[in-house]
Structure formats: C-alpha cells, structure tokens
Amino acid sequence: MDMISFGLVYLELVFGQLDGLPGPGEEVFTDEFAISCGGAITSATAAAAGGAKAGVCTRLGDDLGSQVAIEHCAAAGIDLSTSARADGPAAGITVVLNFAGDRGFVTHVPRRPGSEFSELDRWAGVIRAERPAWCYVHAGRGVPKFLRLARELGCKIMLDISLGDERQGDVIFECIKLADVFVPNSDELFRLTGAATFDDAVSAASRWGTQLVVTRGAAGAVIGHSDGSFTEVTDGVGVVEVKDLTGAGDNFAGALVAGMVAGASLAEAVVAANVAGSKAVGQLGAIGQVGAGSGGWPLRPMILNSGLAGAVSGSAQQEILERG
C-alpha cells in the first residue's frame, strides 16, 4: 500500500452552527446535521481520493460506528485488511458542536482489552508485514518505538498531533525527530515551541531536523526550511463557506501523502493538500456526510437476520424497521 493510517476511528454526530451552547435544562436548535466518520479514516479517505492506495489500521467491532466506517471504506476504496475485528463496540463516538466559528466535542471511547500498548504491538506486526510507503500516525506515548521500526523498514512517516498533546512533553519531540514530515497547525506549533511570533515558532521548529509543513486555515500552509525560513503556499485554497473545521488537518495530510506518492514535489503536494483542506471545512464532519451520494438520510433501515426475523412477528418487524 502507498499509505496506512494508524489509530482509532470515530462515528461523528455533527451539528451545524449554533447560536450558543445550551445551559443546564436548555435546548438549542440547528437546521444542519450530518453523520460522518473521523479519526484514522479521515487521512486515508483524502489519500484515496488523491489516487493513493490507502489503508486503515484500527479496531472494528459490532457497533454502529464500525459498521458506518466499514461501509464508507468499501465505497471509498480504502483497504481494511490490516484492521482487527473485536467483539463489542470499538469505534469512538464524537458529538461535534459548531459554534462561534469553531467547534467543541463530547467524545466516548470504548474500553479496550489488554494493556495500553497492545494495539501498538499489533501495529508493529502490520508494519513488518505490509511495509507501506508511508505511515500516518499521531504522536503519543509508546509511539516512538513504532516509528523507529517503521524507519528501519524503509517506511516514511507523516506525523501529526492534537491540541493538548504538548503536555506529554519529551515523548512528542522524540516522535517529531523520528518523522519525515511533521504537519501541525499553527496553534499546535505555538504551543509546542512557546514562541511569541510565527517566525520564531518556525525558527525553533527548524532545529528539530524534521521537514515542517504548518497548516494555517484560510491562509494556506507554510513549508519550513532548515535555516528557520519558510515558504508560504496559498495556491489551492478555495473560497468556501466554513461549516466545520473537524478533520481539516487530517484531510490535508492524506492529500499531501497522495501528492508525493504520485511524484509531486513537496510544494506541489501542498497545493493539492490545500484543496483537500478547503473542501473539508466546507462540509459537516471529517469526511462529510456518509451516504450522501445515495440521497436522504445516510443510514439504511436495520435489516434483521433470518434467526431474529423468525422470532419476531410481522407487525413487530415493521415497527423495528421504521424505528431503525
């Protein structure tokens, strides 16, 4: 494969722009809503859309979120052969509330069996077997060992972080130094470097020795250079109505990988990544509404298996299907 994206996947319940958040006992309304997928599936979706052979290495269970992810990947041509199947729920669930030009999240992640690093051990087996050209990973505890293995096997590493990851300290910087390309947004870069200006932040990051590409929303992206200077890339940024910022960075990264896999220079690939990032913020959800191509509500009615159907009366079946 050209790229494997490693990590959790999420079922996203995304609410469009709200006038404000509800207080205790209050209710607010929006006329925009979408069901989407997020997490590791986001970058793989963008990479596949850019022509790359993309896969996702995650855990999938018998929950609704996993079902939606599986159906989306089948439609998008994303390889799930490296993902593990689990009994019970495996996908996270995220409620995305868009307000004040940004968004907030309420997230549930199912408990996982085994030790904290059991999934990372499984990732190591996958990387040995598959040896993709690129890995897309978020920094975190236990990840440096995986990144060292990927490098030893000749895999390139696209690394990202999330706001708040800087609190993990040295492990984040260890991950960055092991990556081929690091793709934070400007807020994340400021938090990591503690710099007061963007120029100072890029200059500080240049000393980490990893190719830096910083996303800046409507301002496009910046390619950092080893001497602390940088090149701004605004080509590819579209004029869109911003609906939801969720997943913009992951879409950018997936498209960036696809561009480089196709033989583009880094600067050329950043232009394609800007296009993907602009598209992402103009839709609700990290990958947009799932099932949107079929029209109407994105989820099909629940289909009862033959064993269950035989134990339920015809009228009861109809009631369940209507509820589903």
Protein backbone atom coordinates (compact mmCIF):
# COMPACT_ATOMS: atom_id res chain seq x y z
CA MET A 1 0.00 0.00 0.00
CA ASP A 2 1.04 3.59 -0.53
CA MET A 3 -0.15 4.65 2.92
CA ILE A 4 -1.60 3.16 6.08
CA SER A 5 -3.27 5.43 8.62
CA PHE A 6 -2.96 4.13 12.18
CA GLY A 7 -5.33 4.93 15.05
CA LEU A 8 -8.91 4.92 16.27
CA VAL A 9 -11.94 5.66 14.13
CA TYR A 10 -14.96 7.63 15.30
CA LEU A 11 -18.61 7.90 14.46
CA GLU A 12 -19.31 11.64 14.29
CA LEU A 13 -22.66 13.22 15.05
CA VAL A 14 -22.15 16.73 13.73
CA PHE A 15 -24.39 19.70 14.46
CA GLY A 16 -24.13 22.82 12.32
CA GLN A 17 -23.51 26.32 13.63
CA LEU A 18 -25.31 27.04 16.89
CA ASP A 19 -26.06 30.49 18.28
CA GLY A 20 -24.61 29.25 21.56
CA LEU A 21 -24.28 26.19 23.75
CA PRO A 22 -27.22 25.14 25.91
CA GLY A 23 -27.10 25.69 29.64
CA PRO A 24 -28.48 23.19 32.17
CA GLY A 25 -32.05 22.33 31.23
CA GLU A 26 -31.88 24.33 27.98
CA GLU A 27 -32.22 23.20 24.37
CA VAL A 28 -30.84 24.81 21.23
CA PHE A 29 -31.62 24.01 17.60
CA THR A 30 -29.79 23.90 14.28
CA ASP A 31 -31.13 23.04 10.85
CA GLU A 32 -27.84 21.41 9.78
CA PHE A 33 -26.77 17.94 10.86
CA ALA A 34 -24.63 15.12 9.45
CA ILE A 35 -23.42 11.68 10.39
CA SER A 36 -19.77 11.27 9.46
CA CYS A 37 -16.59 9.31 10.26
CA GLY A 38 -13.39 10.63 11.77
CA GLY A 39 -10.05 9.59 13.19
CA ALA A 40 -7.68 7.44 11.16
CA ILE A 41 -10.25 7.05 8.42
CA THR A 42 -10.02 10.76 7.51
CA SER A 43 -6.49 10.91 6.13
CA ALA A 44 -6.97 7.59 4.31
CA THR A 45 -10.10 8.97 2.63
CA ALA A 46 -8.22 12.03 1.37
CA ALA A 47 -5.27 9.91 0.22
CA ALA A 48 -7.57 7.53 -1.67
CA ALA A 49 -9.36 10.48 -3.27
CA GLY A 50 -5.94 11.69 -4.43
CA GLY A 51 -5.21 8.39 -6.17
CA ALA A 52 -3.15 6.64 -3.50
CA LYS A 53 -3.66 3.04 -2.37
CA ALA A 54 -4.65 3.78 1.21
CA GLY A 55 -5.47 1.60 4.17
CA VAL A 56 -6.54 1.98 7.78
CA CYS A 57 -5.12 0.01 10.70
CA THR A 58 -7.63 0.21 13.54
CA ARG A 59 -10.02 -1.90 15.62
CA LEU A 60 -13.55 -2.52 14.33
CA GLY A 61 -16.35 -4.08 16.33
CA ASP A 62 -20.04 -4.85 16.01
CA ASP A 63 -21.14 -1.31 16.86
CA LEU A 64 -22.83 1.25 14.60
CA GLY A 65 -19.66 3.34 14.27
CA SER A 66 -17.68 0.38 12.97
CA GLN A 67 -20.47 -0.51 10.53
CA VAL A 68 -20.53 3.01 9.13
CA ALA A 69 -16.72 3.01 8.83
CA ILE A 70 -16.67 -0.34 7.03
CA GLU A 71 -19.33 0.74 4.54
CA HIS A 72 -17.59 4.05 3.89
CA CYS A 73 -14.22 2.38 3.29
CA ALA A 74 -15.79 -0.08 0.85
CA ALA A 75 -17.28 2.80 -1.12
CA ALA A 76 -14.07 4.88 -1.00
CA GLY A 77 -11.73 2.03 -1.94
CA ILE A 78 -9.89 2.02 1.40
CA ASP A 79 -8.18 -1.20 2.47
CA LEU A 80 -9.21 -2.50 5.90
CA SER A 81 -7.29 -5.78 5.74
CA THR A 82 -4.85 -4.60 8.42
CA SER A 83 -7.64 -3.75 10.86
CA ALA A 84 -8.55 -6.11 13.71
CA ARG A 85 -12.09 -7.25 14.46
CA ALA A 86 -13.27 -7.13 18.06
CA ASP A 87 -16.34 -8.31 19.94
CA GLY A 88 -18.49 -5.44 21.18
CA PRO A 89 -18.02 -1.73 20.44
CA ALA A 90 -14.69 -0.49 19.10
CA ALA A 91 -15.29 2.85 17.35
CA GLY A 92 -15.35 6.04 19.34
CA ILE A 93 -18.39 8.30 19.25
CA THR A 94 -17.97 12.05 18.96
CA VAL A 95 -20.64 14.74 19.12
CA VAL A 96 -19.37 17.81 17.26
CA LEU A 97 -20.94 21.15 18.20
CA ASN A 98 -20.11 24.02 15.87
CA PHE A 99 -20.41 27.48 17.41
CA ALA A 100 -18.61 30.85 17.48
CA GLY A 101 -16.66 29.96 14.33
CA ASP A 102 -15.09 26.90 15.94
CA ARG A 103 -16.29 23.61 17.40
CA GLY A 104 -16.34 21.65 20.62
CA PHE A 105 -16.54 17.92 21.18
CA VAL A 106 -18.10 15.40 23.52
CA THR A 107 -16.40 12.05 22.95
CA HIS A 108 -16.78 8.48 24.18
CA VAL A 109 -14.05 5.89 23.56
CA PRO A 110 -14.93 2.27 24.40
CA ARG A 111 -12.65 0.46 26.81
CA ARG A 112 -10.07 -1.67 25.04
CA PRO A 113 -8.94 -5.07 26.27
CA GLY A 114 -5.27 -5.71 27.05
CA SER A 115 -2.51 -3.34 28.04
CA GLU A 116 -2.22 0.28 26.97
CA PHE A 117 0.35 -0.65 24.34
CA SER A 118 -1.22 -3.87 22.97
CA GLU A 119 -2.53 -2.04 19.91
CA LEU A 120 0.91 -0.55 19.26
CA ASP A 121 2.35 -4.08 19.34
CA ARG A 122 -0.20 -5.07 16.70
CA TRP A 123 0.76 -2.04 14.62
CA ALA A 124 4.35 -3.29 14.66
CA GLY A 125 3.25 -6.61 13.19
CA VAL A 126 1.29 -4.80 10.49
CA ILE A 127 4.19 -2.58 9.51
CA ARG A 128 6.51 -5.58 9.25
CA ALA A 129 4.06 -7.44 7.03
CA GLU A 130 2.85 -4.59 4.83
CA ARG A 131 5.77 -2.14 4.63
CA PRO A 132 3.71 0.72 3.17
CA ALA A 133 5.49 3.61 1.51
CA TRP A 134 4.02 5.99 4.13
CA CYS A 135 2.57 5.73 7.62
CA TYR A 136 0.28 8.40 9.04
CA VAL A 137 0.38 8.49 12.83
CA HIS A 138 -0.38 10.85 15.71
CA ALA A 139 2.36 11.33 18.29
CA GLY A 140 1.92 9.90 21.77
CA ARG A 141 3.16 7.57 24.46
CA GLY A 142 4.66 4.36 23.10
CA VAL A 143 4.69 5.68 19.52
CA PRO A 144 8.49 6.36 19.24
CA LYS A 145 9.23 2.62 19.32
CA PHE A 146 6.80 2.07 16.45
CA LEU A 147 8.30 4.96 14.48
CA ARG A 148 11.83 3.61 14.88
CA LEU A 149 10.67 0.27 13.48
CA ALA A 150 8.95 1.99 10.53
CA ARG A 151 12.15 3.85 9.72
CA GLU A 152 14.21 0.66 9.92
CA LEU A 153 11.83 -0.96 7.41
CA GLY A 154 12.12 1.97 4.99
CA CYS A 155 8.66 3.43 5.57
CA LYS A 156 8.27 7.21 5.52
CA ILE A 157 6.36 8.83 8.37
CA MET A 158 3.80 11.63 8.25
CA LEU A 159 3.30 12.77 11.85
CA ASP A 160 0.53 14.87 13.36
CA ILE A 161 -0.52 15.93 16.84
CA SER A 162 -3.65 17.26 18.51
CA LEU A 163 -4.08 20.30 20.73
CA GLY A 164 -3.06 19.33 24.24
CA ASP A 165 -0.50 16.72 23.13
CA GLU A 166 2.27 19.16 24.04
CA ARG A 167 1.55 18.30 27.68
CA GLN A 168 3.12 14.90 27.07
CA GLY A 169 6.49 16.63 26.92
CA ASP A 170 9.61 14.93 25.61
CA VAL A 171 7.80 11.99 24.02
CA ILE A 172 6.21 14.35 21.48
CA PHE A 173 9.58 15.79 20.48
CA GLU A 174 11.00 12.28 20.22
CA CYS A 175 8.21 11.40 17.78
CA ILE A 176 8.80 14.56 15.75
CA LYS A 177 12.50 13.83 15.34
CA LEU A 178 11.70 10.35 14.02
CA ALA A 179 9.23 11.59 11.38
CA ASP A 180 9.90 12.53 7.77
CA VAL A 181 7.21 15.22 7.67
CA PHE A 182 5.53 16.92 10.63
CA VAL A 183 2.18 18.60 9.91
CA PRO A 184 0.91 20.63 12.90
CA ASN A 185 -1.43 23.57 12.61
CA SER A 186 -0.22 26.98 13.72
CA ASP A 187 -1.88 26.80 17.16
CA GLU A 188 -0.22 23.46 17.86
CA LEU A 189 3.14 24.83 16.73
CA PHE A 190 2.83 27.83 19.05
CA ARG A 191 2.05 25.58 21.99
CA LEU A 192 4.94 23.24 21.23
CA THR A 193 7.54 25.98 20.83
CA GLY A 194 6.22 28.55 23.30
CA ALA A 195 7.20 31.22 20.75
CA ALA A 196 5.55 34.64 20.66
CA THR A 197 5.56 35.06 16.86
CA PHE A 198 5.05 32.69 13.96
CA ASP A 199 8.54 33.42 12.59
CA ASP A 200 10.06 32.48 15.94
CA ALA A 201 7.93 29.32 16.13
CA VAL A 202 9.10 28.11 12.71
CA SER A 203 12.70 29.00 13.56
CA ALA A 204 12.51 26.96 16.75
CA ALA A 205 10.90 24.02 14.96
CA SER A 206 13.59 24.03 12.27
CA ARG A 207 16.06 22.86 14.89
CA TRP A 208 14.15 19.59 15.31
CA GLY A 209 15.58 18.36 11.99
CA THR A 210 12.24 17.21 10.51
CA GLN A 211 10.54 18.63 7.43
CA LEU A 212 7.90 21.01 8.72
CA VAL A 213 4.59 21.82 6.99
CA VAL A 214 2.26 24.05 9.02
CA THR A 215 -1.42 24.43 8.16
CA ARG A 216 -2.88 27.92 8.61
CA GLY A 217 -6.52 27.62 7.62
CA ALA A 218 -7.62 30.21 5.05
CA ALA A 219 -4.01 31.42 4.82
CA GLY A 220 -2.94 28.10 3.31
CA ALA A 221 0.19 26.39 4.56
CA VAL A 222 3.84 27.06 5.23
CA ILE A 223 6.82 24.89 4.31
CA GLY A 224 9.63 25.30 6.83
CA HIS A 225 13.29 25.20 5.86
CA SER A 226 16.33 24.03 7.83
CA ASP A 227 17.65 27.59 8.23
CA GLY A 228 14.47 28.73 10.00
CA SER A 229 12.97 30.47 6.99
CA PHE A 230 9.73 29.36 5.37
CA THR A 231 7.74 29.48 2.14
CA GLU A 232 4.05 30.34 2.15
CA VAL A 233 1.80 28.30 -0.13
CA THR A 234 -1.66 29.77 -0.74
CA ASP A 235 -2.42 28.13 -4.10
CA GLY A 236 -5.22 25.60 -3.82
CA VAL A 237 -7.04 27.38 -1.00
CA GLY A 238 -10.66 27.73 -2.05
CA VAL A 239 -13.24 30.35 -1.10
CA VAL A 240 -15.77 28.29 0.85
CA GLU A 241 -18.40 28.82 3.49
CA VAL A 242 -16.78 27.34 6.59
CA LYS A 243 -19.18 24.85 8.17
CA ASP A 244 -16.96 22.65 10.32
CA LEU A 245 -13.20 22.63 10.98
CA THR A 246 -13.19 18.98 12.09
CA GLY A 247 -10.67 16.83 10.23
CA ALA A 248 -9.22 19.59 8.07
CA GLY A 249 -5.66 18.74 9.13
CA ASP A 250 -6.12 15.02 8.52
CA ASN A 251 -7.57 15.69 5.07
CA PHE A 252 -4.61 17.96 4.34
CA ALA A 253 -2.13 15.27 5.42
CA GLY A 254 -3.77 12.49 3.41
CA ALA A 255 -3.79 14.58 0.24
CA LEU A 256 -0.17 15.59 0.91
CA VAL A 257 0.87 11.93 1.01
CA ALA A 258 -1.09 11.16 -2.17
CA GLY A 259 0.63 14.01 -3.99
CA MET A 260 4.11 12.87 -3.03
CA VAL A 261 3.31 9.25 -3.83
CA ALA A 262 2.32 10.43 -7.32
CA GLY A 263 5.73 12.07 -7.73
CA ALA A 264 4.88 15.68 -6.92
CA SER A 265 7.39 17.91 -5.19
CA LEU A 266 6.59 18.90 -1.62
CA ALA A 267 5.43 22.36 -2.76
CA GLU A 268 3.19 20.85 -5.45
CA ALA A 269 1.76 18.34 -2.98
CA VAL A 270 0.98 21.15 -0.52
CA VAL A 271 -1.17 22.81 -3.19
CA ALA A 272 -3.22 19.62 -3.54
CA ALA A 273 -3.39 19.38 0.25
CA ASN A 274 -4.73 22.95 0.43
CA VAL A 275 -7.50 21.92 -1.95
CA ALA A 276 -8.42 18.99 0.30
CA GLY A 277 -8.34 21.11 3.44
CA SER A 278 -10.60 23.75 1.88
CA LYS A 279 -13.08 21.11 0.81
CA ALA A 280 -13.08 19.61 4.31
CA VAL A 281 -14.07 22.81 6.11
CA GLY A 282 -16.95 23.37 3.69
CA GLN A 283 -18.74 20.23 4.85
CA LEU A 284 -20.03 18.87 8.14
CA GLY A 285 -17.86 16.08 9.53
CA ALA A 286 -14.30 14.99 8.87
CA ILE A 287 -15.23 13.18 5.64
CA GLY A 288 -18.59 14.84 5.02
CA GLN A 289 -21.94 13.15 5.43
CA VAL A 290 -21.66 9.40 4.92
CA GLY A 291 -24.08 8.00 2.38
CA ALA A 292 -24.65 11.46 0.92
CA GLY A 293 -24.40 10.06 -2.60
CA SER A 294 -27.49 7.92 -2.11
CA GLY A 295 -29.63 10.89 -1.11
CA GLY A 296 -31.58 11.44 2.07
CA TRP A 297 -30.75 10.06 5.48
CA PRO A 298 -27.31 8.46 5.50
CA LEU A 299 -28.21 5.27 7.38
CA ARG A 300 -30.31 2.47 5.93
CA PRO A 301 -33.10 0.82 7.95
CA MET A 302 -31.89 -2.03 10.17
CA ILE A 303 -32.09 -5.39 8.42
CA LEU A 304 -32.97 -8.29 10.71
CA ASN A 305 -31.06 -11.53 10.24
CA SER A 306 -33.11 -14.64 9.49
CA GLY A 307 -32.85 -16.08 13.01
CA LEU A 308 -34.10 -12.92 14.66
CA ALA A 309 -36.74 -12.30 12.00
CA GLY A 310 -38.28 -15.70 12.62
CA ALA A 311 -38.76 -14.89 16.28
CA VAL A 312 -40.44 -11.54 15.65
CA SER A 313 -43.95 -11.07 14.32
CA GLY A 314 -44.52 -9.29 11.05
CA SER A 315 -46.01 -6.19 12.70
CA ALA A 316 -43.15 -6.05 15.20
CA GLN A 317 -40.59 -6.35 12.40
CA GLN A 318 -42.20 -3.43 10.59
CA GLU A 319 -42.14 -1.34 13.76
CA ILE A 320 -38.43 -2.08 14.29
CA LEU A 321 -37.59 -1.23 10.67
CA GLU A 322 -39.46 2.05 10.92
CA ARG A 323 -37.61 2.91 14.13
CA GLY A 324 -34.27 1.87 12.58
